Amino acid sequence: MSKKTTASTTDQAVTPPSEESSQHIWLAGLGAMAKAQSQGTKAFEALIADGLAFQRKTHQAAQEKITEATEQLSHLAKDFGQQTTGRIDRLEHLFEDRVARALTRLGMPSMADVEALQQRVAALEAQLAARAPKAPSKTAKAPVVRPSRTAAKKSR
């Protein structure tokens, strides 16, 4: 029996390299886990802070791009509106000119002709008012009404 005890003591003292390396790997894993647990909260908070900073930065850049795009679209819309207004004005004048020419061909007086006639009528009315005798005053006696001859014969 003594041989058996000597052999088991020798096995424990000398461990093969594969067992020893697996033991080291296991201990390294436990150490990493312990370190991660102690510093994990700090690392997580640092990642959150970095994420918030990145979010703010990208949000600001997006807002700048939106503002820039809005300004460009407003400028384009303004230019388009001005071009459209100019074209509508030209079309309106063209239409008015053609209608005026057609009315002239039909013998219709123009607005200037009507205004000239209104001025002439006003001048003639002023001349008539200056020449007309003054209206009798209200205090004057009313004209005497004489009965007609036929009414006088009937009453006799």
N, C-alpha and C. Protein backbone atom coordinates (compact mmCIF):
# COMPACT_ATOMS: atom_id res chain seq x y z
N MET A 1 0.77 -1.19 0.00
CA MET A 1 0.00 0.00 0.00
C MET A 1 0.81 1.25 0.00
N SER A 2 1.95 1.10 0.45
CA SER A 2 2.79 2.26 0.49
C SER A 2 3.12 2.76 -0.89
N LYS A 3 3.14 1.92 -1.83
CA LYS A 3 3.42 2.34 -3.19
C LYS A 3 2.29 3.17 -3.74
N LYS A 4 1.12 2.81 -3.38
CA LYS A 4 -0.02 3.55 -3.89
C LYS A 4 -0.04 4.97 -3.37
N THR A 5 0.26 5.17 -2.14
CA THR A 5 0.26 6.51 -1.59
C THR A 5 1.36 7.35 -2.21
N THR A 6 2.46 6.79 -2.55
CA THR A 6 3.54 7.51 -3.17
C THR A 6 3.16 7.92 -4.57
N ALA A 7 2.49 7.11 -5.26
CA ALA A 7 2.10 7.43 -6.63
C ALA A 7 1.07 8.54 -6.65
N SER A 8 0.12 8.54 -5.77
CA SER A 8 -0.90 9.58 -5.76
C SER A 8 -0.31 10.91 -5.35
N THR A 9 0.70 10.92 -4.47
CA THR A 9 1.36 12.14 -4.08
C THR A 9 2.12 12.71 -5.24
N THR A 10 2.72 11.89 -6.03
CA THR A 10 3.47 12.34 -7.18
C THR A 10 2.54 12.92 -8.23
N ASP A 11 1.34 12.35 -8.42
CA ASP A 11 0.38 12.86 -9.40
C ASP A 11 -0.09 14.26 -9.03
N GLN A 12 -0.28 14.50 -7.78
CA GLN A 12 -0.79 15.81 -7.35
C GLN A 12 0.29 16.88 -7.48
N ALA A 13 1.52 16.51 -7.19
CA ALA A 13 2.60 17.47 -7.24
C ALA A 13 2.90 17.88 -8.66
N VAL A 14 2.83 16.99 -9.57
CA VAL A 14 3.13 17.29 -10.95
C VAL A 14 1.81 17.25 -11.71
N THR A 15 1.33 18.44 -12.16
CA THR A 15 0.10 18.51 -12.95
C THR A 15 0.48 18.71 -14.39
N PRO A 16 -0.22 18.08 -15.27
CA PRO A 16 0.10 18.24 -16.68
C PRO A 16 -0.15 19.68 -17.13
N PRO A 17 0.56 20.13 -18.17
CA PRO A 17 0.43 21.52 -18.61
C PRO A 17 -0.97 21.86 -19.10
N SER A 18 -1.72 20.95 -19.67
CA SER A 18 -3.07 21.27 -20.17
C SER A 18 -4.02 21.57 -19.03
N GLU A 19 -3.92 20.87 -17.95
CA GLU A 19 -4.77 21.15 -16.80
C GLU A 19 -4.41 22.50 -16.20
N GLU A 20 -3.14 22.78 -16.14
CA GLU A 20 -2.68 24.04 -15.56
C GLU A 20 -3.14 25.22 -16.43
N SER A 21 -3.04 25.12 -17.74
CA SER A 21 -3.46 26.23 -18.60
C SER A 21 -4.98 26.41 -18.56
N SER A 22 -5.73 25.34 -18.48
CA SER A 22 -7.18 25.49 -18.39
C SER A 22 -7.56 26.13 -17.06
N GLN A 23 -6.80 25.83 -16.01
CA GLN A 23 -7.02 26.45 -14.72
C GLN A 23 -6.74 27.94 -14.80
N HIS A 24 -5.69 28.33 -15.49
CA HIS A 24 -5.35 29.75 -15.64
C HIS A 24 -6.43 30.48 -16.46
N ILE A 25 -6.91 29.81 -17.50
CA ILE A 25 -7.97 30.42 -18.32
C ILE A 25 -9.22 30.64 -17.48
N TRP A 26 -9.55 29.65 -16.69
CA TRP A 26 -10.73 29.76 -15.81
C TRP A 26 -10.55 30.92 -14.84
N LEU A 27 -9.41 31.04 -14.22
CA LEU A 27 -9.16 32.11 -13.26
C LEU A 27 -9.15 33.48 -13.95
N ALA A 28 -8.61 33.52 -15.17
CA ALA A 28 -8.62 34.79 -15.91
C ALA A 28 -10.05 35.21 -16.22
N GLY A 29 -10.88 34.24 -16.58
CA GLY A 29 -12.30 34.55 -16.84
C GLY A 29 -13.00 35.06 -15.60
N LEU A 30 -12.73 34.42 -14.46
CA LEU A 30 -13.32 34.89 -13.20
C LEU A 30 -12.83 36.29 -12.85
N GLY A 31 -11.57 36.55 -13.10
CA GLY A 31 -11.03 37.88 -12.83
C GLY A 31 -11.65 38.95 -13.73
N ALA A 32 -11.83 38.60 -15.01
CA ALA A 32 -12.46 39.55 -15.94
C ALA A 32 -13.89 39.82 -15.53
N MET A 33 -14.57 38.78 -15.07
CA MET A 33 -15.96 38.96 -14.66
C MET A 33 -16.03 39.84 -13.42
N ALA A 34 -15.13 39.64 -12.48
CA ALA A 34 -15.10 40.47 -11.27
C ALA A 34 -14.80 41.92 -11.62
N LYS A 35 -13.86 42.11 -12.52
CA LYS A 35 -13.50 43.47 -12.94
C LYS A 35 -14.66 44.13 -13.69
N ALA A 36 -15.34 43.36 -14.53
CA ALA A 36 -16.47 43.90 -15.28
C ALA A 36 -17.60 44.28 -14.34
N GLN A 37 -17.79 43.47 -13.29
CA GLN A 37 -18.85 43.81 -12.34
C GLN A 37 -18.51 45.08 -11.58
N SER A 38 -17.27 45.24 -11.21
CA SER A 38 -16.90 46.44 -10.45
C SER A 38 -16.86 47.69 -11.33
N GLN A 39 -16.41 47.55 -12.57
CA GLN A 39 -16.29 48.71 -13.43
C GLN A 39 -17.40 48.76 -14.49
N GLY A 40 -18.28 47.78 -14.51
CA GLY A 40 -19.33 47.72 -15.53
C GLY A 40 -20.29 48.89 -15.46
N THR A 41 -20.68 49.29 -14.28
CA THR A 41 -21.60 50.41 -14.12
C THR A 41 -20.97 51.69 -14.65
N LYS A 42 -19.69 51.88 -14.32
CA LYS A 42 -19.01 53.09 -14.80
C LYS A 42 -18.91 53.08 -16.32
N ALA A 43 -18.58 51.95 -16.90
CA ALA A 43 -18.46 51.86 -18.35
C ALA A 43 -19.82 52.07 -19.01
N PHE A 44 -20.89 51.52 -18.41
CA PHE A 44 -22.23 51.69 -18.96
C PHE A 44 -22.65 53.16 -18.92
N GLU A 45 -22.39 53.84 -17.83
CA GLU A 45 -22.72 55.26 -17.72
C GLU A 45 -21.91 56.09 -18.71
N ALA A 46 -20.66 55.71 -18.93
CA ALA A 46 -19.82 56.42 -19.91
C ALA A 46 -20.39 56.23 -21.32
N LEU A 47 -20.85 55.01 -21.63
CA LEU A 47 -21.46 54.76 -22.94
C LEU A 47 -22.75 55.56 -23.11
N ILE A 48 -23.54 55.68 -22.05
CA ILE A 48 -24.77 56.48 -22.12
C ILE A 48 -24.43 57.94 -22.38
N ALA A 49 -23.43 58.46 -21.67
CA ALA A 49 -23.01 59.86 -21.86
C ALA A 49 -22.52 60.08 -23.29
N ASP A 50 -21.74 59.15 -23.80
CA ASP A 50 -21.26 59.27 -25.18
C ASP A 50 -22.41 59.21 -26.17
N GLY A 51 -23.38 58.34 -25.90
CA GLY A 51 -24.55 58.23 -26.78
C GLY A 51 -25.37 59.50 -26.79
N LEU A 52 -25.58 60.11 -25.62
CA LEU A 52 -26.32 61.38 -25.54
C LEU A 52 -25.61 62.50 -26.28
N ALA A 53 -24.29 62.56 -26.11
CA ALA A 53 -23.52 63.59 -26.81
C ALA A 53 -23.63 63.40 -28.31
N PHE A 54 -23.53 62.16 -28.76
CA PHE A 54 -23.64 61.88 -30.20
C PHE A 54 -25.04 62.21 -30.71
N GLN A 55 -26.07 61.89 -29.92
CA GLN A 55 -27.45 62.19 -30.32
C GLN A 55 -27.66 63.70 -30.45
N ARG A 56 -27.17 64.47 -29.48
CA ARG A 56 -27.30 65.93 -29.55
C ARG A 56 -26.60 66.50 -30.79
N LYS A 57 -25.41 65.97 -31.04
CA LYS A 57 -24.63 66.44 -32.19
C LYS A 57 -25.35 66.15 -33.49
N THR A 58 -25.87 64.93 -33.65
CA THR A 58 -26.58 64.59 -34.89
C THR A 58 -27.90 65.33 -35.00
N HIS A 59 -28.58 65.56 -33.87
CA HIS A 59 -29.83 66.31 -33.89
C HIS A 59 -29.59 67.75 -34.33
N GLN A 60 -28.52 68.34 -33.83
CA GLN A 60 -28.19 69.71 -34.23
C GLN A 60 -27.84 69.77 -35.71
N ALA A 61 -27.08 68.80 -36.18
CA ALA A 61 -26.74 68.78 -37.61
C ALA A 61 -27.98 68.60 -38.47
N ALA A 62 -28.90 67.75 -38.01
CA ALA A 62 -30.15 67.54 -38.76
C ALA A 62 -30.98 68.82 -38.79
N GLN A 63 -31.04 69.54 -37.66
CA GLN A 63 -31.79 70.80 -37.61
C GLN A 63 -31.20 71.82 -38.57
N GLU A 64 -29.87 71.88 -38.63
CA GLU A 64 -29.21 72.81 -39.56
C GLU A 64 -29.55 72.46 -41.00
N LYS A 65 -29.54 71.17 -41.33
CA LYS A 65 -29.88 70.75 -42.69
C LYS A 65 -31.35 71.07 -43.01
N ILE A 66 -32.24 70.87 -42.04
CA ILE A 66 -33.66 71.18 -42.25
C ILE A 66 -33.84 72.68 -42.47
N THR A 67 -33.16 73.49 -41.67
CA THR A 67 -33.25 74.95 -41.82
C THR A 67 -32.73 75.39 -43.19
N GLU A 68 -31.63 74.82 -43.59
CA GLU A 68 -31.04 75.15 -44.88
C GLU A 68 -31.98 74.75 -46.02
N ALA A 69 -32.55 73.56 -45.93
CA ALA A 69 -33.48 73.09 -46.97
C ALA A 69 -34.73 73.96 -47.00
N THR A 70 -35.23 74.36 -45.84
CA THR A 70 -36.42 75.22 -45.78
C THR A 70 -36.15 76.57 -46.43
N GLU A 71 -34.98 77.13 -46.16
CA GLU A 71 -34.62 78.41 -46.77
C GLU A 71 -34.53 78.30 -48.29
N GLN A 72 -33.93 77.21 -48.76
CA GLN A 72 -33.81 77.02 -50.21
C GLN A 72 -35.19 76.86 -50.85
N LEU A 73 -36.07 76.08 -50.21
CA LEU A 73 -37.41 75.90 -50.76
C LEU A 73 -38.22 77.20 -50.73
N SER A 74 -38.07 77.98 -49.67
CA SER A 74 -38.76 79.27 -49.60
C SER A 74 -38.29 80.19 -50.72
N HIS A 75 -36.99 80.20 -50.95
CA HIS A 75 -36.42 81.03 -52.01
C HIS A 75 -36.96 80.58 -53.38
N LEU A 76 -36.97 79.26 -53.61
CA LEU A 76 -37.49 78.75 -54.88
C LEU A 76 -38.97 79.08 -55.05
N ALA A 77 -39.74 78.94 -53.97
CA ALA A 77 -41.18 79.24 -54.05
C ALA A 77 -41.40 80.73 -54.34
N LYS A 78 -40.58 81.58 -53.72
CA LYS A 78 -40.71 83.02 -53.95
C LYS A 78 -40.40 83.35 -55.41
N ASP A 79 -39.32 82.78 -55.92
CA ASP A 79 -38.96 83.01 -57.33
C ASP A 79 -40.05 82.50 -58.26
N PHE A 80 -40.57 81.33 -57.96
CA PHE A 80 -41.63 80.77 -58.80
C PHE A 80 -42.88 81.65 -58.76
N GLY A 81 -43.21 82.17 -57.57
CA GLY A 81 -44.36 83.05 -57.43
C GLY A 81 -44.19 84.33 -58.22
N GLN A 82 -42.99 84.90 -58.19
CA GLN A 82 -42.73 86.13 -58.94
C GLN A 82 -42.82 85.88 -60.44
N GLN A 83 -42.27 84.76 -60.89
CA GLN A 83 -42.34 84.45 -62.31
C GLN A 83 -43.79 84.24 -62.74
N THR A 84 -44.55 83.55 -61.92
CA THR A 84 -45.95 83.29 -62.24
C THR A 84 -46.74 84.59 -62.26
N THR A 85 -46.50 85.45 -61.29
CA THR A 85 -47.21 86.73 -61.24
C THR A 85 -46.90 87.56 -62.48
N GLY A 86 -45.65 87.59 -62.88
CA GLY A 86 -45.27 88.34 -64.09
C GLY A 86 -45.95 87.79 -65.32
N ARG A 87 -46.03 86.48 -65.43
CA ARG A 87 -46.68 85.87 -66.59
C ARG A 87 -48.18 86.14 -66.59
N ILE A 88 -48.78 86.09 -65.44
CA ILE A 88 -50.23 86.36 -65.34
C ILE A 88 -50.51 87.81 -65.70
N ASP A 89 -49.66 88.73 -65.22
CA ASP A 89 -49.84 90.15 -65.55
C ASP A 89 -49.75 90.37 -67.06
N ARG A 90 -48.76 89.73 -67.69
CA ARG A 90 -48.63 89.87 -69.15
C ARG A 90 -49.84 89.30 -69.87
N LEU A 91 -50.32 88.18 -69.41
CA LEU A 91 -51.49 87.55 -70.02
C LEU A 91 -52.73 88.42 -69.83
N GLU A 92 -52.86 89.02 -68.65
CA GLU A 92 -53.99 89.90 -68.38
C GLU A 92 -53.98 91.12 -69.29
N HIS A 93 -52.82 91.74 -69.45
CA HIS A 93 -52.72 92.91 -70.34
C HIS A 93 -53.02 92.52 -71.79
N LEU A 94 -52.52 91.40 -72.21
CA LEU A 94 -52.79 90.92 -73.56
C LEU A 94 -54.29 90.72 -73.76
N PHE A 95 -54.94 90.11 -72.80
CA PHE A 95 -56.38 89.89 -72.88
C PHE A 95 -57.14 91.21 -72.92
N GLU A 96 -56.78 92.15 -72.05
CA GLU A 96 -57.45 93.45 -72.02
C GLU A 96 -57.29 94.17 -73.36
N ASP A 97 -56.10 94.14 -73.94
CA ASP A 97 -55.87 94.80 -75.22
C ASP A 97 -56.73 94.19 -76.32
N ARG A 98 -56.81 92.88 -76.36
CA ARG A 98 -57.61 92.21 -77.40
C ARG A 98 -59.09 92.49 -77.23
N VAL A 99 -59.56 92.51 -76.00
CA VAL A 99 -60.98 92.81 -75.76
C VAL A 99 -61.27 94.26 -76.16
N ALA A 100 -60.38 95.19 -75.82
CA ALA A 100 -60.58 96.59 -76.18
C ALA A 100 -60.62 96.76 -77.69
N ARG A 101 -59.73 96.07 -78.41
CA ARG A 101 -59.74 96.16 -79.88
C ARG A 101 -61.04 95.58 -80.46
N ALA A 102 -61.51 94.50 -79.90
CA ALA A 102 -62.74 93.89 -80.40
C ALA A 102 -63.93 94.81 -80.13
N LEU A 103 -63.99 95.42 -78.98
CA LEU A 103 -65.09 96.35 -78.66
C LEU A 103 -65.04 97.58 -79.56
N THR A 104 -63.83 98.05 -79.85
CA THR A 104 -63.69 99.20 -80.75
C THR A 104 -64.21 98.84 -82.14
N ARG A 105 -63.90 97.64 -82.61
CA ARG A 105 -64.39 97.20 -83.92
C ARG A 105 -65.92 97.10 -83.95
N LEU A 106 -66.51 96.78 -82.81
CA LEU A 106 -67.97 96.67 -82.74
C LEU A 106 -68.65 98.02 -82.55
N GLY A 107 -67.85 99.07 -82.34
CA GLY A 107 -68.41 100.41 -82.19
C GLY A 107 -68.73 100.77 -80.74
N MET A 108 -68.28 99.99 -79.81
CA MET A 108 -68.53 100.28 -78.39
C MET A 108 -67.58 101.38 -77.94
N PRO A 109 -68.08 102.35 -77.18
CA PRO A 109 -67.19 103.41 -76.70
C PRO A 109 -66.24 102.87 -75.64
N SER A 110 -65.09 103.49 -75.58
CA SER A 110 -64.11 103.08 -74.58
C SER A 110 -64.40 103.81 -73.27
N MET A 111 -63.69 103.45 -72.23
CA MET A 111 -63.86 104.10 -70.93
C MET A 111 -63.51 105.58 -71.04
N ALA A 112 -62.50 105.91 -71.81
CA ALA A 112 -62.12 107.31 -71.99
C ALA A 112 -63.23 108.08 -72.70
N ASP A 113 -63.87 107.44 -73.69
CA ASP A 113 -64.98 108.09 -74.39
C ASP A 113 -66.14 108.37 -73.44
N VAL A 114 -66.47 107.42 -72.59
CA VAL A 114 -67.57 107.59 -71.63
C VAL A 114 -67.24 108.69 -70.64
N GLU A 115 -66.02 108.75 -70.17
CA GLU A 115 -65.62 109.80 -69.22
C GLU A 115 -65.69 111.17 -69.88
N ALA A 116 -65.28 111.26 -71.15
CA ALA A 116 -65.34 112.55 -71.87
C ALA A 116 -66.80 112.99 -72.01
N LEU A 117 -67.68 112.03 -72.31
CA LEU A 117 -69.10 112.37 -72.42
C LEU A 117 -69.68 112.81 -71.07
N GLN A 118 -69.27 112.18 -70.01
CA GLN A 118 -69.75 112.57 -68.69
C GLN A 118 -69.32 113.99 -68.36
N GLN A 119 -68.10 114.35 -68.74
CA GLN A 119 -67.62 115.71 -68.49
C GLN A 119 -68.41 116.72 -69.32
N ARG A 120 -68.71 116.37 -70.57
CA ARG A 120 -69.50 117.27 -71.43
C ARG A 120 -70.90 117.46 -70.87
N VAL A 121 -71.52 116.38 -70.42
CA VAL A 121 -72.87 116.48 -69.84
C VAL A 121 -72.84 117.34 -68.59
N ALA A 122 -71.85 117.17 -67.75
CA ALA A 122 -71.74 117.98 -66.53
C ALA A 122 -71.58 119.45 -66.90
N ALA A 123 -70.79 119.75 -67.92
CA ALA A 123 -70.61 121.15 -68.35
C ALA A 123 -71.90 121.72 -68.90
N LEU A 124 -72.63 120.94 -69.69
CA LEU A 124 -73.91 121.43 -70.24
C LEU A 124 -74.94 121.65 -69.13
N GLU A 125 -74.96 120.77 -68.15
CA GLU A 125 -75.88 120.96 -67.02
C GLU A 125 -75.55 122.24 -66.27
N ALA A 126 -74.28 122.53 -66.13
CA ALA A 126 -73.87 123.76 -65.44
C ALA A 126 -74.32 124.98 -66.25
N GLN A 127 -74.19 124.92 -67.57
CA GLN A 127 -74.62 126.04 -68.41
C GLN A 127 -76.14 126.23 -68.33
N LEU A 128 -76.90 125.16 -68.36
CA LEU A 128 -78.36 125.25 -68.25
C LEU A 128 -78.78 125.82 -66.90
N ALA A 129 -78.10 125.42 -65.87
CA ALA A 129 -78.44 125.92 -64.55
C ALA A 129 -78.16 127.41 -64.45
N ALA A 130 -77.13 127.89 -65.13
CA ALA A 130 -76.81 129.31 -65.10
C ALA A 130 -77.82 130.13 -65.90
N ARG A 131 -78.37 129.59 -66.98
CA ARG A 131 -79.31 130.31 -67.85
C ARG A 131 -80.76 130.21 -67.38
N ALA A 132 -81.12 129.23 -66.70
CA ALA A 132 -82.52 129.01 -66.30
C ALA A 132 -82.95 130.09 -65.33
N PRO A 133 -84.25 130.55 -65.46
CA PRO A 133 -84.73 131.56 -64.51
C PRO A 133 -84.84 130.94 -63.12
N LYS A 134 -84.73 131.81 -62.19
CA LYS A 134 -84.78 131.32 -60.81
C LYS A 134 -86.19 130.87 -60.51
N ALA A 135 -86.32 129.86 -59.76
CA ALA A 135 -87.63 129.31 -59.39
C ALA A 135 -88.35 130.30 -58.50
N PRO A 136 -89.67 130.40 -58.62
CA PRO A 136 -90.42 131.35 -57.78
C PRO A 136 -90.28 130.97 -56.31
N SER A 137 -90.33 131.99 -55.49
CA SER A 137 -90.18 131.74 -54.06
C SER A 137 -91.46 131.13 -53.52
N LYS A 138 -91.40 130.51 -52.45
CA LYS A 138 -92.55 129.83 -51.86
C LYS A 138 -93.51 130.81 -51.22
N THR A 139 -93.08 132.01 -50.93
CA THR A 139 -93.94 133.00 -50.30
C THR A 139 -94.83 133.70 -51.32
N ALA A 140 -94.56 133.52 -52.58
CA ALA A 140 -95.37 134.18 -53.62
C ALA A 140 -96.74 133.53 -53.66
N LYS A 141 -97.74 134.29 -54.13
CA LYS A 141 -99.10 133.81 -54.19
C LYS A 141 -99.23 132.75 -55.25
N ALA A 142 -100.12 131.88 -54.98
CA ALA A 142 -100.41 130.83 -55.94
C ALA A 142 -101.22 131.42 -57.07
N PRO A 143 -101.07 130.95 -58.30
CA PRO A 143 -101.84 131.51 -59.41
C PRO A 143 -103.34 131.25 -59.21
N VAL A 144 -104.11 132.19 -59.67
CA VAL A 144 -105.56 132.10 -59.52
C VAL A 144 -106.09 131.16 -60.58
N VAL A 145 -106.92 130.25 -60.19
CA VAL A 145 -107.49 129.29 -61.11
C VAL A 145 -108.88 129.80 -61.48
N ARG A 146 -109.10 129.99 -62.75
CA ARG A 146 -110.40 130.47 -63.21
C ARG A 146 -111.20 129.29 -63.70
N PRO A 147 -112.45 129.31 -63.40
CA PRO A 147 -113.28 128.20 -63.89
C PRO A 147 -113.42 128.31 -65.40
N SER A 148 -113.51 127.17 -66.01
CA SER A 148 -113.62 127.16 -67.46
C SER A 148 -115.02 127.62 -67.87
N ARG A 149 -115.19 127.97 -69.12
CA ARG A 149 -116.45 128.47 -69.61
C ARG A 149 -117.51 127.37 -69.58
N THR A 150 -117.18 126.22 -69.84
CA THR A 150 -118.18 125.15 -69.83
C THR A 150 -118.70 124.92 -68.43
N ALA A 151 -117.83 125.06 -67.43
CA ALA A 151 -118.27 124.90 -66.05
C ALA A 151 -119.17 126.05 -65.66
N ALA A 152 -118.96 127.27 -66.19
CA ALA A 152 -119.76 128.44 -65.85
C ALA A 152 -121.14 128.31 -66.48
N LYS A 153 -121.27 127.74 -67.67
CA LYS A 153 -122.56 127.59 -68.33
C LYS A 153 -123.41 126.55 -67.61
N LYS A 154 -122.84 125.54 -67.12
CA LYS A 154 -123.58 124.49 -66.44
C LYS A 154 -124.16 124.98 -65.14
N SER A 155 -123.48 125.86 -64.48
CA SER A 155 -123.94 126.34 -63.20
C SER A 155 -125.11 127.31 -63.34
N ARG A 156 -125.33 127.92 -64.49
CA ARG A 156 -126.40 128.88 -64.69
C ARG A 156 -127.65 128.19 -64.91
